[in-house]
């Protein structure tokens, strides 16, 4: 499984905007916190939070599909890929609702 260091390197390669980077780090922190509270794998869900907007700058009209494809190529766990893919569809019932709420909430904080 790719490490957090791998994910940070990928983020730095794909994301130029400092504001977007801060948002992605904030989502990572929030997701890790909630994963801990719910007894889930913090590292796994932290990766999803960190990389959820990976392709937003490069491919806003195709977000998150291009980033998801790249993460699959790089061997990220399917749970991470699925959570990222699903955050673009808040009406889906097969994803923990907190993931959408966290992204929205941290997007409001600057």
PDB file of N, CA and C in Angstrom:
ATOM      1  N   UNK A   1       0.852  -1.185   0.000  1.00  0.00           N
ATOM      2  CA  UNK A   1       0.000   0.000   0.000  1.00  0.00           C
ATOM      3  C   UNK A   1       0.890   1.238   0.000  1.00  0.00           C
ATOM      4  N   UNK A   2       0.561   2.208  -0.846  1.00  0.00           N
ATOM      5  CA  UNK A   2       1.318   3.455  -0.822  1.00  0.00           C
ATOM      6  C   UNK A   2       1.236   4.106   0.565  1.00  0.00           C
ATOM      7  N   UNK A   3       2.280   4.792   0.926  1.00  0.00           N
ATOM      8  CA  UNK A   3       2.375   5.437   2.235  1.00  0.00           C
ATOM      9  C   UNK A   3       1.851   6.871   2.180  1.00  0.00           C
ATOM     10  N   UNK A   4       1.749   7.477   3.350  1.00  0.00           N
ATOM     11  CA  UNK A   4       1.369   8.887   3.398  1.00  0.00           C
ATOM     12  C   UNK A   4       2.403   9.737   2.670  1.00  0.00           C
ATOM     13  N   UNK A   5       3.683   9.386   2.812  1.00  0.00           N
ATOM     14  CA  UNK A   5       4.737  10.121   2.096  1.00  0.00           C
ATOM     15  C   UNK A   5       4.533  10.043   0.586  1.00  0.00           C
ATOM     16  N   UNK A   6       4.138   8.873   0.104  1.00  0.00           N
ATOM     17  CA  UNK A   6       3.829   8.728  -1.325  1.00  0.00           C
ATOM     18  C   UNK A   6       2.667   9.638  -1.712  1.00  0.00           C
ATOM     19  N   UNK A   7       1.650   9.677  -0.862  1.00  0.00           N
ATOM     20  CA  UNK A   7       0.466  10.496  -1.131  1.00  0.00           C
ATOM     21  C   UNK A   7       0.816  11.985  -1.131  1.00  0.00           C
ATOM     22  N   UNK A   8       1.656  12.407  -0.194  1.00  0.00           N
ATOM     23  CA  UNK A   8       2.069  13.814  -0.140  1.00  0.00           C
ATOM     24  C   UNK A   8       2.855  14.176  -1.399  1.00  0.00           C
ATOM     25  N   UNK A   9       3.735  13.294  -1.839  1.00  0.00           N
ATOM     26  CA  UNK A   9       4.504  13.545  -3.061  1.00  0.00           C
ATOM     27  C   UNK A   9       3.571  13.674  -4.266  1.00  0.00           C
ATOM     28  N   UNK A  10       2.569  12.825  -4.326  1.00  0.00           N
ATOM     29  CA  UNK A  10       1.598  12.883  -5.419  1.00  0.00           C
ATOM     30  C   UNK A  10       0.801  14.182  -5.357  1.00  0.00           C
ATOM     31  N   UNK A  11       0.368  14.556  -4.168  1.00  0.00           N
ATOM     32  CA  UNK A  11      -0.355  15.816  -3.977  1.00  0.00           C
ATOM     33  C   UNK A  11       0.504  16.988  -4.453  1.00  0.00           C
ATOM     34  N   UNK A  12       1.767  17.010  -4.065  1.00  0.00           N
ATOM     35  CA  UNK A  12       2.649  18.113  -4.449  1.00  0.00           C
ATOM     36  C   UNK A  12       2.894  18.147  -5.955  1.00  0.00           C
ATOM     37  N   UNK A  13       2.872  16.979  -6.584  1.00  0.00           N
ATOM     38  CA  UNK A  13       3.043  16.904  -8.038  1.00  0.00           C
ATOM     39  C   UNK A  13       1.808  17.427  -8.776  1.00  0.00           C
ATOM     40  N   UNK A  14       0.628  17.142  -8.267  1.00  0.00           N
ATOM     41  CA  UNK A  14      -0.616  17.442  -8.977  1.00  0.00           C
ATOM     42  C   UNK A  14      -1.273  18.757  -8.577  1.00  0.00           C
ATOM     43  N   UNK A  15      -1.023  19.250  -7.367  1.00  0.00           N
ATOM     44  CA  UNK A  15      -1.783  20.398  -6.840  1.00  0.00           C
ATOM     45  C   UNK A  15      -0.855  21.584  -6.612  1.00  0.00           C
ATOM     46  N   UNK A  16      -1.095  22.668  -7.334  1.00  0.00           N
ATOM     47  CA  UNK A  16      -0.275  23.869  -7.194  1.00  0.00           C
ATOM     48  C   UNK A  16      -0.868  24.860  -6.195  1.00  0.00           C
ATOM     49  N   UNK A  17      -2.177  24.915  -6.121  1.00  0.00           N
ATOM     50  CA  UNK A  17      -2.861  25.899  -5.284  1.00  0.00           C
ATOM     51  C   UNK A  17      -2.612  25.634  -3.802  1.00  0.00           C
ATOM     52  N   UNK A  18      -2.090  26.638  -3.132  1.00  0.00           N
ATOM     53  CA  UNK A  18      -1.854  26.510  -1.689  1.00  0.00           C
ATOM     54  C   UNK A  18      -3.174  26.359  -0.935  1.00  0.00           C
ATOM     55  N   UNK A  19      -4.200  27.067  -1.375  1.00  0.00           N
ATOM     56  CA  UNK A  19      -5.510  26.961  -0.715  1.00  0.00           C
ATOM     57  C   UNK A  19      -6.077  25.551  -0.853  1.00  0.00           C
ATOM     58  N   UNK A  20      -5.952  24.965  -2.032  1.00  0.00           N
ATOM     59  CA  UNK A  20      -6.456  23.607  -2.226  1.00  0.00           C
ATOM     60  C   UNK A  20      -5.642  22.609  -1.416  1.00  0.00           C
ATOM     61  N   UNK A  21      -4.339  22.808  -1.364  1.00  0.00           N
ATOM     62  CA  UNK A  21      -3.503  21.916  -0.540  1.00  0.00           C
ATOM     63  C   UNK A  21      -3.935  21.983   0.923  1.00  0.00           C
ATOM     64  N   UNK A  22      -4.151  23.194   1.431  1.00  0.00           N
ATOM     65  CA  UNK A  22      -4.584  23.348   2.827  1.00  0.00           C
ATOM     66  C   UNK A  22      -5.909  22.637   3.061  1.00  0.00           C
ATOM     67  N   UNK A  23      -6.824  22.763   2.110  1.00  0.00           N
ATOM     68  CA  UNK A  23      -8.112  22.076   2.217  1.00  0.00           C
ATOM     69  C   UNK A  23      -7.906  20.565   2.287  1.00  0.00           C
ATOM     70  N   UNK A  24      -7.057  20.033   1.435  1.00  0.00           N
ATOM     71  CA  UNK A  24      -6.832  18.591   1.397  1.00  0.00           C
ATOM     72  C   UNK A  24      -6.200  18.101   2.703  1.00  0.00           C
ATOM     73  N   UNK A  25      -5.257  18.864   3.240  1.00  0.00           N
ATOM     74  CA  UNK A  25      -4.665  18.499   4.534  1.00  0.00           C
ATOM     75  C   UNK A  25      -5.699  18.590   5.662  1.00  0.00           C
ATOM     76  N   UNK A  26      -6.579  19.586   5.587  1.00  0.00           N
ATOM     77  CA  UNK A  26      -7.624  19.721   6.612  1.00  0.00           C
ATOM     78  C   UNK A  26      -8.595  18.549   6.563  1.00  0.00           C
ATOM     79  N   UNK A  27      -8.968  18.134   5.360  1.00  0.00           N
ATOM     80  CA  UNK A  27      -9.855  16.978   5.231  1.00  0.00           C
ATOM     81  C   UNK A  27      -9.155  15.736   5.764  1.00  0.00           C
ATOM     82  N   UNK A  28      -7.877  15.579   5.450  1.00  0.00           N
ATOM     83  CA  UNK A  28      -7.131  14.432   5.985  1.00  0.00           C
ATOM     84  C   UNK A  28      -7.196  14.411   7.509  1.00  0.00           C
ATOM     85  N   UNK A  29      -6.926  15.547   8.140  1.00  0.00           N
ATOM     86  CA  UNK A  29      -6.928  15.609   9.606  1.00  0.00           C
ATOM     87  C   UNK A  29      -8.305  15.264  10.169  1.00  0.00           C
ATOM     88  N   UNK A  30      -9.345  15.803   9.565  1.00  0.00           N
ATOM     89  CA  UNK A  30     -10.700  15.528  10.044  1.00  0.00           C
ATOM     90  C   UNK A  30     -11.068  14.063   9.865  1.00  0.00           C
ATOM     91  N   UNK A  31     -10.751  13.503   8.713  1.00  0.00           N
ATOM     92  CA  UNK A  31     -11.071  12.102   8.445  1.00  0.00           C
ATOM     93  C   UNK A  31     -10.315  11.188   9.407  1.00  0.00           C
ATOM     94  N   UNK A  32      -9.045  11.496   9.646  1.00  0.00           N
ATOM     95  CA  UNK A  32      -8.266  10.686  10.595  1.00  0.00           C
ATOM     96  C   UNK A  32      -8.910  10.737  11.984  1.00  0.00           C
ATOM     97  N   UNK A  33      -9.347  11.906  12.392  1.00  0.00           N
ATOM     98  CA  UNK A  33      -9.989  12.060  13.700  1.00  0.00           C
ATOM     99  C   UNK A  33     -11.246  11.190  13.793  1.00  0.00           C
ATOM    100  N   UNK A  34     -12.097  11.283  12.789  1.00  0.00           N
ATOM    101  CA  UNK A  34     -13.334  10.495  12.818  1.00  0.00           C
ATOM    102  C   UNK A  34     -13.070   9.007  12.668  1.00  0.00           C
ATOM    103  N   UNK A  35     -12.069   8.639  11.902  1.00  0.00           N
ATOM    104  CA  UNK A  35     -11.710   7.214  11.798  1.00  0.00           C
ATOM    105  C   UNK A  35     -11.308   6.683  13.172  1.00  0.00           C
ATOM    106  N   UNK A  36     -10.520   7.459  13.895  1.00  0.00           N
ATOM    107  CA  UNK A  36     -10.101   7.061  15.242  1.00  0.00           C
ATOM    108  C   UNK A  36     -11.316   6.905  16.157  1.00  0.00           C
ATOM    109  N   UNK A  37     -12.231   7.867  16.119  1.00  0.00           N
ATOM    110  CA  UNK A  37     -13.433   7.802  16.958  1.00  0.00           C
ATOM    111  C   UNK A  37     -14.300   6.591  16.633  1.00  0.00           C
ATOM    112  N   UNK A  38     -14.313   6.195  15.361  1.00  0.00           N
ATOM    113  CA  UNK A  38     -15.172   5.088  14.936  1.00  0.00           C
ATOM    114  C   UNK A  38     -14.438   3.752  14.894  1.00  0.00           C
ATOM    115  N   UNK A  39     -13.183   3.744  15.379  1.00  0.00           N
ATOM    116  CA  UNK A  39     -12.426   2.501  15.411  1.00  0.00           C
ATOM    117  C   UNK A  39     -11.998   2.002  14.044  1.00  0.00           C
ATOM    118  N   UNK A  40     -11.856   2.911  13.093  1.00  0.00           N
ATOM    119  CA  UNK A  40     -11.435   2.556  11.735  1.00  0.00           C
ATOM    120  C   UNK A  40      -9.941   2.818  11.565  1.00  0.00           C
ATOM    121  N   UNK A  41      -9.416   2.406  10.439  1.00  0.00           N
ATOM    122  CA  UNK A  41      -7.997   2.552  10.125  1.00  0.00           C
ATOM    123  C   UNK A  41      -7.693   4.007   9.751  1.00  0.00           C
ATOM    124  N   UNK A  42      -7.022   4.726  10.644  1.00  0.00           N
ATOM    125  CA  UNK A  42      -6.714   6.141  10.417  1.00  0.00           C
ATOM    126  C   UNK A  42      -5.846   6.361   9.192  1.00  0.00           C
ATOM    127  N   UNK A  43      -4.872   5.495   9.003  1.00  0.00           N
ATOM    128  CA  UNK A  43      -3.961   5.672   7.877  1.00  0.00           C
ATOM    129  C   UNK A  43      -4.683   5.494   6.545  1.00  0.00           C
ATOM    130  N   UNK A  44      -5.508   4.472   6.478  1.00  0.00           N
ATOM    131  CA  UNK A  44      -6.265   4.204   5.258  1.00  0.00           C
ATOM    132  C   UNK A  44      -7.184   5.372   4.920  1.00  0.00           C
ATOM    133  N   UNK A  45      -7.994   5.783   5.883  1.00  0.00           N
ATOM    134  CA  UNK A  45      -8.944   6.864   5.633  1.00  0.00           C
ATOM    135  C   UNK A  45      -8.251   8.214   5.506  1.00  0.00           C
ATOM    136  N   UNK A  46      -7.100   8.360   6.159  1.00  0.00           N
ATOM    137  CA  UNK A  46      -6.319   9.579   5.988  1.00  0.00           C
ATOM    138  C   UNK A  46      -5.882   9.773   4.544  1.00  0.00           C
ATOM    139  N   UNK A  47      -5.502   8.668   3.892  1.00  0.00           N
ATOM    140  CA  UNK A  47      -5.126   8.749   2.477  1.00  0.00           C
ATOM    141  C   UNK A  47      -6.297   9.238   1.629  1.00  0.00           C
ATOM    142  N   UNK A  48      -7.480   8.728   1.916  1.00  0.00           N
ATOM    143  CA  UNK A  48      -8.667   9.156   1.160  1.00  0.00           C
ATOM    144  C   UNK A  48      -8.917  10.647   1.363  1.00  0.00           C
ATOM    145  N   UNK A  49      -8.820  11.105   2.600  1.00  0.00           N
ATOM    146  CA  UNK A  49      -9.024  12.524   2.873  1.00  0.00           C
ATOM    147  C   UNK A  49      -7.984  13.393   2.204  1.00  0.00           C
ATOM    148  N   UNK A  50      -6.746  12.953   2.250  1.00  0.00           N
ATOM    149  CA  UNK A  50      -5.645  13.731   1.689  1.00  0.00           C
ATOM    150  C   UNK A  50      -5.747  13.855   0.172  1.00  0.00           C
ATOM    151  N   UNK A  51      -6.184  12.806  -0.486  1.00  0.00           N
ATOM    152  CA  UNK A  51      -6.140  12.776  -1.950  1.00  0.00           C
ATOM    153  C   UNK A  51      -7.497  12.994  -2.622  1.00  0.00           C
ATOM    154  N   UNK A  52      -8.517  13.327  -1.863  1.00  0.00           N
ATOM    155  CA  UNK A  52      -9.866  13.374  -2.430  1.00  0.00           C
ATOM    156  C   UNK A  52     -10.052  14.397  -3.546  1.00  0.00           C
ATOM    157  N   UNK A  53      -9.271  15.449  -3.576  1.00  0.00           N
ATOM    158  CA  UNK A  53      -9.373  16.466  -4.632  1.00  0.00           C
ATOM    159  C   UNK A  53      -8.128  16.498  -5.513  1.00  0.00           C
ATOM    160  N   UNK A  54      -7.457  15.378  -5.635  1.00  0.00           N
ATOM    161  CA  UNK A  54      -6.189  15.306  -6.363  1.00  0.00           C
ATOM    162  C   UNK A  54      -6.275  15.911  -7.759  1.00  0.00           C
ATOM    163  N   UNK A  55      -7.319  15.625  -8.499  1.00  0.00           N
ATOM    164  CA  UNK A  55      -7.394  16.061  -9.893  1.00  0.00           C
ATOM    165  C   UNK A  55      -8.225  17.327 -10.104  1.00  0.00           C
ATOM    166  N   UNK A  56      -8.637  17.979  -9.031  1.00  0.00           N
ATOM    167  CA  UNK A  56      -9.532  19.136  -9.140  1.00  0.00           C
ATOM    168  C   UNK A  56      -8.955  20.252 -10.010  1.00  0.00           C
ATOM    169  N   UNK A  57      -7.683  20.593  -9.840  1.00  0.00           N
ATOM    170  CA  UNK A  57      -7.068  21.666 -10.632  1.00  0.00           C
ATOM    171  C   UNK A  57      -6.875  21.262 -12.088  1.00  0.00           C
ATOM    172  N   UNK A  58      -6.363  20.083 -12.303  1.00  0.00           N
ATOM    173  CA  UNK A  58      -6.029  19.637 -13.664  1.00  0.00           C
ATOM    174  C   UNK A  58      -7.256  19.260 -14.489  1.00  0.00           C
ATOM    175  N   UNK A  59      -8.234  18.666 -13.852  1.00  0.00           N
ATOM    176  CA  UNK A  59      -9.390  18.119 -14.577  1.00  0.00           C
ATOM    177  C   UNK A  59     -10.700  18.410 -13.836  1.00  0.00           C
ATOM    178  N   UNK A  60     -11.049  19.683 -13.642  1.00  0.00           N
ATOM    179  CA  UNK A  60     -12.243  19.984 -12.845  1.00  0.00           C
ATOM    180  C   UNK A  60     -13.531  19.405 -13.431  1.00  0.00           C
ATOM    181  N   UNK A  61     -13.615  19.329 -14.746  1.00  0.00           N
ATOM    182  CA  UNK A  61     -14.837  18.802 -15.367  1.00  0.00           C
ATOM    183  C   UNK A  61     -14.939  17.287 -15.277  1.00  0.00           C
ATOM    184  N   UNK A  62     -13.821  16.639 -14.973  1.00  0.00           N
ATOM    185  CA  UNK A  62     -13.816  15.178 -14.886  1.00  0.00           C
ATOM    186  C   UNK A  62     -13.537  14.683 -13.466  1.00  0.00           C
ATOM    187  N   UNK A  63     -13.487  15.610 -12.530  1.00  0.00           N
ATOM    188  CA  UNK A  63     -13.217  15.278 -11.131  1.00  0.00           C
ATOM    189  C   UNK A  63     -14.316  14.383 -10.579  1.00  0.00           C
ATOM    190  N   UNK A  64     -13.995  13.334  -9.886  1.00  0.00           N
ATOM    191  CA  UNK A  64     -12.695  12.820  -9.453  1.00  0.00           C
ATOM    192  C   UNK A  64     -12.159  11.668 -10.309  1.00  0.00           C
ATOM    193  N   UNK A  65     -12.721  11.479 -11.500  1.00  0.00           N
ATOM    194  CA  UNK A  65     -12.452  10.266 -12.274  1.00  0.00           C
ATOM    195  C   UNK A  65     -11.003  10.109 -12.733  1.00  0.00           C
ATOM    196  N   UNK A  66     -10.351  11.190 -13.114  1.00  0.00           N
ATOM    197  CA  UNK A  66      -8.954  11.097 -13.564  1.00  0.00           C
ATOM    198  C   UNK A  66      -8.054  10.739 -12.384  1.00  0.00           C
ATOM    199  N   UNK A  67      -8.254  11.409 -11.263  1.00  0.00           N
ATOM    200  CA  UNK A  67      -7.462  11.104 -10.066  1.00  0.00           C
ATOM    201  C   UNK A  67      -7.677   9.682  -9.585  1.00  0.00           C
ATOM    202  N   UNK A  68      -8.912   9.230  -9.608  1.00  0.00           N
ATOM    203  CA  UNK A  68      -9.244   7.866  -9.187  1.00  0.00           C
ATOM    204  C   UNK A  68      -8.521   6.850 -10.068  1.00  0.00           C
ATOM    205  N   UNK A  69      -8.522   7.090 -11.376  1.00  0.00           N
ATOM    206  CA  UNK A  69      -7.830   6.174 -12.293  1.00  0.00           C
ATOM    207  C   UNK A  69      -6.336   6.124 -11.974  1.00  0.00           C
ATOM    208  N   UNK A  70      -5.755   7.285 -11.693  1.00  0.00           N
ATOM    209  CA  UNK A  70      -4.320   7.322 -11.361  1.00  0.00           C
ATOM    210  C   UNK A  70      -4.043   6.586 -10.055  1.00  0.00           C
ATOM    211  N   UNK A  71      -4.890   6.766  -9.068  1.00  0.00           N
ATOM    212  CA  UNK A  71      -4.697   6.081  -7.787  1.00  0.00           C
ATOM    213  C   UNK A  71      -4.788   4.567  -7.957  1.00  0.00           C
ATOM    214  N   UNK A  72      -5.696   4.111  -8.797  1.00  0.00           N
ATOM    215  CA  UNK A  72      -5.782   2.665  -9.072  1.00  0.00           C
ATOM    216  C   UNK A  72      -4.494   2.175  -9.726  1.00  0.00           C
ATOM    217  N   UNK A  73      -3.979   2.935 -10.689  1.00  0.00           N
ATOM    218  CA  UNK A  73      -2.719   2.572 -11.351  1.00  0.00           C
ATOM    219  C   UNK A  73      -1.580   2.460 -10.347  1.00  0.00           C
ATOM    220  N   UNK A  74      -1.595   3.320  -9.348  1.00  0.00           N
ATOM    221  CA  UNK A  74      -0.519   3.358  -8.352  1.00  0.00           C
ATOM    222  C   UNK A  74      -0.719   2.352  -7.220  1.00  0.00           C
ATOM    223  N   UNK A  75      -1.822   1.620  -7.240  1.00  0.00           N
ATOM    224  CA  UNK A  75      -2.032   0.567  -6.252  1.00  0.00           C
ATOM    225  C   UNK A  75      -2.633   1.000  -4.932  1.00  0.00           C
ATOM    226  N   UNK A  76      -3.358   2.130  -4.935  1.00  0.00           N
ATOM    227  CA  UNK A  76      -4.032   2.537  -3.701  1.00  0.00           C
ATOM    228  C   UNK A  76      -5.167   1.564  -3.415  1.00  0.00           C
ATOM    229  N   UNK A  77      -5.447   1.302  -2.141  1.00  0.00           N
ATOM    230  CA  UNK A  77      -6.513   0.357  -1.779  1.00  0.00           C
ATOM    231  C   UNK A  77      -7.867   0.786  -2.349  1.00  0.00           C
ATOM    232  N   UNK A  78      -8.661  -0.194  -2.698  1.00  0.00           N
ATOM    233  CA  UNK A  78      -9.968   0.090  -3.296  1.00  0.00           C
ATOM    234  C   UNK A  78     -10.864   0.891  -2.346  1.00  0.00           C
ATOM    235  N   UNK A  79     -10.722   0.707  -1.027  1.00  0.00           N
ATOM    236  CA  UNK A  79     -11.517   1.497  -0.079  1.00  0.00           C
ATOM    237  C   UNK A  79     -11.219   2.987  -0.228  1.00  0.00           C
ATOM    238  N   UNK A  80      -9.955   3.319  -0.427  1.00  0.00           N
ATOM    239  CA  UNK A  80      -9.544   4.712  -0.615  1.00  0.00           C
ATOM    240  C   UNK A  80     -10.110   5.242  -1.927  1.00  0.00           C
ATOM    241  N   UNK A  81      -9.910   4.481  -2.983  1.00  0.00           N
ATOM    242  CA  UNK A  81     -10.369   4.883  -4.311  1.00  0.00           C
ATOM    243  C   UNK A  81     -11.893   5.063  -4.322  1.00  0.00           C
ATOM    244  N   UNK A  82     -12.597   4.121  -3.721  1.00  0.00           N
ATOM    245  CA  UNK A  82     -14.064   4.179  -3.695  1.00  0.00           C
ATOM    246  C   UNK A  82     -14.557   5.405  -2.919  1.00  0.00           C
ATOM    247  N   UNK A  83     -13.945   5.686  -1.788  1.00  0.00           N
ATOM    248  CA  UNK A  83     -14.358   6.850  -0.995  1.00  0.00           C
ATOM    249  C   UNK A  83     -14.147   8.143  -1.776  1.00  0.00           C
ATOM    250  N   UNK A  84     -13.027   8.243  -2.480  1.00  0.00           N
ATOM    251  CA  UNK A  84     -12.745   9.435  -3.279  1.00  0.00           C
ATOM    252  C   UNK A  84     -13.739   9.545  -4.430  1.00  0.00           C
ATOM    253  N   UNK A  85     -13.966   8.450  -5.092  1.00  0.00           N
ATOM    254  CA  UNK A  85     -14.910   8.437  -6.208  1.00  0.00           C
ATOM    255  C   UNK A  85     -16.313   8.823  -5.732  1.00  0.00           C
ATOM    256  N   UNK A  86     -16.702   8.300  -4.597  1.00  0.00           N
ATOM    257  CA  UNK A  86     -18.058   8.504  -4.091  1.00  0.00           C
ATOM    258  C   UNK A  86     -18.293   9.913  -3.559  1.00  0.00           C
ATOM    259  N   UNK A  87     -17.240  10.635  -3.170  1.00  0.00           N
ATOM    260  CA  UNK A  87     -17.487  11.960  -2.592  1.00  0.00           C
ATOM    261  C   UNK A  87     -18.057  12.937  -3.615  1.00  0.00           C
ATOM    262  N   UNK A  88     -17.961  12.601  -4.877  1.00  0.00           N
ATOM    263  CA  UNK A  88     -18.550  13.438  -5.919  1.00  0.00           C
ATOM    264  C   UNK A  88     -20.049  13.184  -6.074  1.00  0.00           C
ATOM    265  N   UNK A  89     -20.536  12.154  -5.379  1.00  0.00           N
ATOM    266  CA  UNK A  89     -21.937  11.767  -5.479  1.00  0.00           C
ATOM    267  C   UNK A  89     -22.532  11.677  -4.076  1.00  0.00           C
ATOM    268  N   UNK A  90     -22.882  12.808  -3.463  1.00  0.00           N
ATOM    269  CA  UNK A  90     -23.323  12.805  -2.061  1.00  0.00           C
ATOM    270  C   UNK A  90     -24.608  12.031  -1.798  1.00  0.00           C
ATOM    271  N   UNK A  91     -25.356  11.702  -2.841  1.00  0.00           N
ATOM    272  CA  UNK A  91     -26.596  10.951  -2.642  1.00  0.00           C
ATOM    273  C   UNK A  91     -26.378   9.445  -2.550  1.00  0.00           C
ATOM    274  N   UNK A  92     -25.153   8.987  -2.754  1.00  0.00           N
ATOM    275  CA  UNK A  92     -24.896   7.549  -2.685  1.00  0.00           C
ATOM    276  C   UNK A  92     -25.077   7.062  -1.261  1.00  0.00           C
ATOM    277  N   UNK A  93     -25.612   5.880  -1.129  1.00  0.00           N
ATOM    278  CA  UNK A  93     -25.874   5.321   0.198  1.00  0.00           C
ATOM    279  C   UNK A  93     -24.833   4.297   0.613  1.00  0.00           C
ATOM    280  N   UNK A  94     -23.870   4.003  -0.262  1.00  0.00           N
ATOM    281  CA  UNK A  94     -22.875   2.983   0.065  1.00  0.00           C
ATOM    282  C   UNK A  94     -21.583   3.579   0.605  1.00  0.00           C
ATOM    283  N   UNK A  95     -21.626   4.841   1.017  1.00  0.00           N
ATOM    284  CA  UNK A  95     -20.458   5.519   1.567  1.00  0.00           C
ATOM    285  C   UNK A  95     -20.859   6.159   2.886  1.00  0.00           C
ATOM    286  N   UNK A  96     -19.962   6.114   3.845  1.00  0.00           N
ATOM    287  CA  UNK A  96     -20.226   6.726   5.145  1.00  0.00           C
ATOM    288  C   UNK A  96     -20.523   8.214   4.936  1.00  0.00           C
ATOM    289  N   UNK A  97     -21.660   8.717   5.415  1.00  0.00           N
ATOM    290  CA  UNK A  97     -22.039  10.108   5.166  1.00  0.00           C
ATOM    291  C   UNK A  97     -21.040  11.123   5.694  1.00  0.00           C
ATOM    292  N   UNK A  98     -20.296  10.767   6.723  1.00  0.00           N
ATOM    293  CA  UNK A  98     -19.338  11.711   7.299  1.00  0.00           C
ATOM    294  C   UNK A  98     -18.310  12.166   6.276  1.00  0.00           C
ATOM    295  N   UNK A  99     -17.990  11.328   5.282  1.00  0.00           N
ATOM    296  CA  UNK A  99     -16.961  11.710   4.321  1.00  0.00           C
ATOM    297  C   UNK A  99     -17.393  12.931   3.526  1.00  0.00           C
ATOM    298  N   UNK A 100     -18.649  13.007   3.119  1.00  0.00           N
ATOM    299  CA  UNK A 100     -19.133  14.175   2.390  1.00  0.00           C
ATOM    300  C   UNK A 100     -19.216  15.391   3.301  1.00  0.00           C
ATOM    301  N   UNK A 101     -19.670  15.202   4.521  1.00  0.00           N
ATOM    302  CA  UNK A 101     -19.798  16.309   5.473  1.00  0.00           C
ATOM    303  C   UNK A 101     -18.444  16.915   5.809  1.00  0.00           C
ATOM    304  N   UNK A 102     -17.439  16.069   5.963  1.00  0.00           N
ATOM    305  CA  UNK A 102     -16.105  16.568   6.310  1.00  0.00           C
ATOM    306  C   UNK A 102     -15.566  17.444   5.195  1.00  0.00           C
ATOM    307  N   UNK A 103     -15.694  17.001   3.954  1.00  0.00           N
ATOM    308  CA  UNK A 103     -15.211  17.791   2.827  1.00  0.00           C
ATOM    309  C   UNK A 103     -15.896  19.138   2.745  1.00  0.00           C
ATOM    310  N   UNK A 104     -17.203  19.146   2.936  1.00  0.00           N
ATOM    311  CA  UNK A 104     -17.949  20.396   2.893  1.00  0.00           C
ATOM    312  C   UNK A 104     -17.521  21.324   4.022  1.00  0.00           C
ATOM    313  N   UNK A 105     -17.439  20.791   5.225  1.00  0.00           N
ATOM    314  CA  UNK A 105     -17.105  21.603   6.395  1.00  0.00           C
ATOM    315  C   UNK A 105     -15.719  22.208   6.274  1.00  0.00           C
ATOM    316  N   UNK A 106     -14.730  21.408   5.907  1.00  0.00           N
ATOM    317  CA  UNK A 106     -13.373  21.941   5.809  1.00  0.00           C
ATOM    318  C   UNK A 106     -13.241  22.898   4.642  1.00  0.00           C
ATOM    319  N   UNK A 107     -14.099  22.784   3.643  1.00  0.00           N
ATOM    320  CA  UNK A 107     -14.088  23.730   2.537  1.00  0.00           C
ATOM    321  C   UNK A 107     -14.537  25.114   2.962  1.00  0.00           C
ATOM    322  N   UNK A 108     -15.292  25.198   4.030  1.00  0.00           N
ATOM    323  CA  UNK A 108     -15.785  26.477   4.547  1.00  0.00           C
ATOM    324  C   UNK A 108     -14.778  27.157   5.465  1.00  0.00           C
ATOM    325  N   UNK A 109     -13.770  26.429   5.893  1.00  0.00           N
ATOM    326  CA  UNK A 109     -12.776  26.963   6.829  1.00  0.00           C
ATOM    327  C   UNK A 109     -11.556  27.417   6.047  1.00  0.00           C
ATOM    328  N   UNK A 110     -11.143  28.632   6.239  1.00  0.00           N
ATOM    329  CA  UNK A 110      -9.957  29.158   5.536  1.00  0.00           C
ATOM    330  C   UNK A 110      -8.940  29.626   6.539  1.00  0.00           C
TER     331      UNK A 110
END
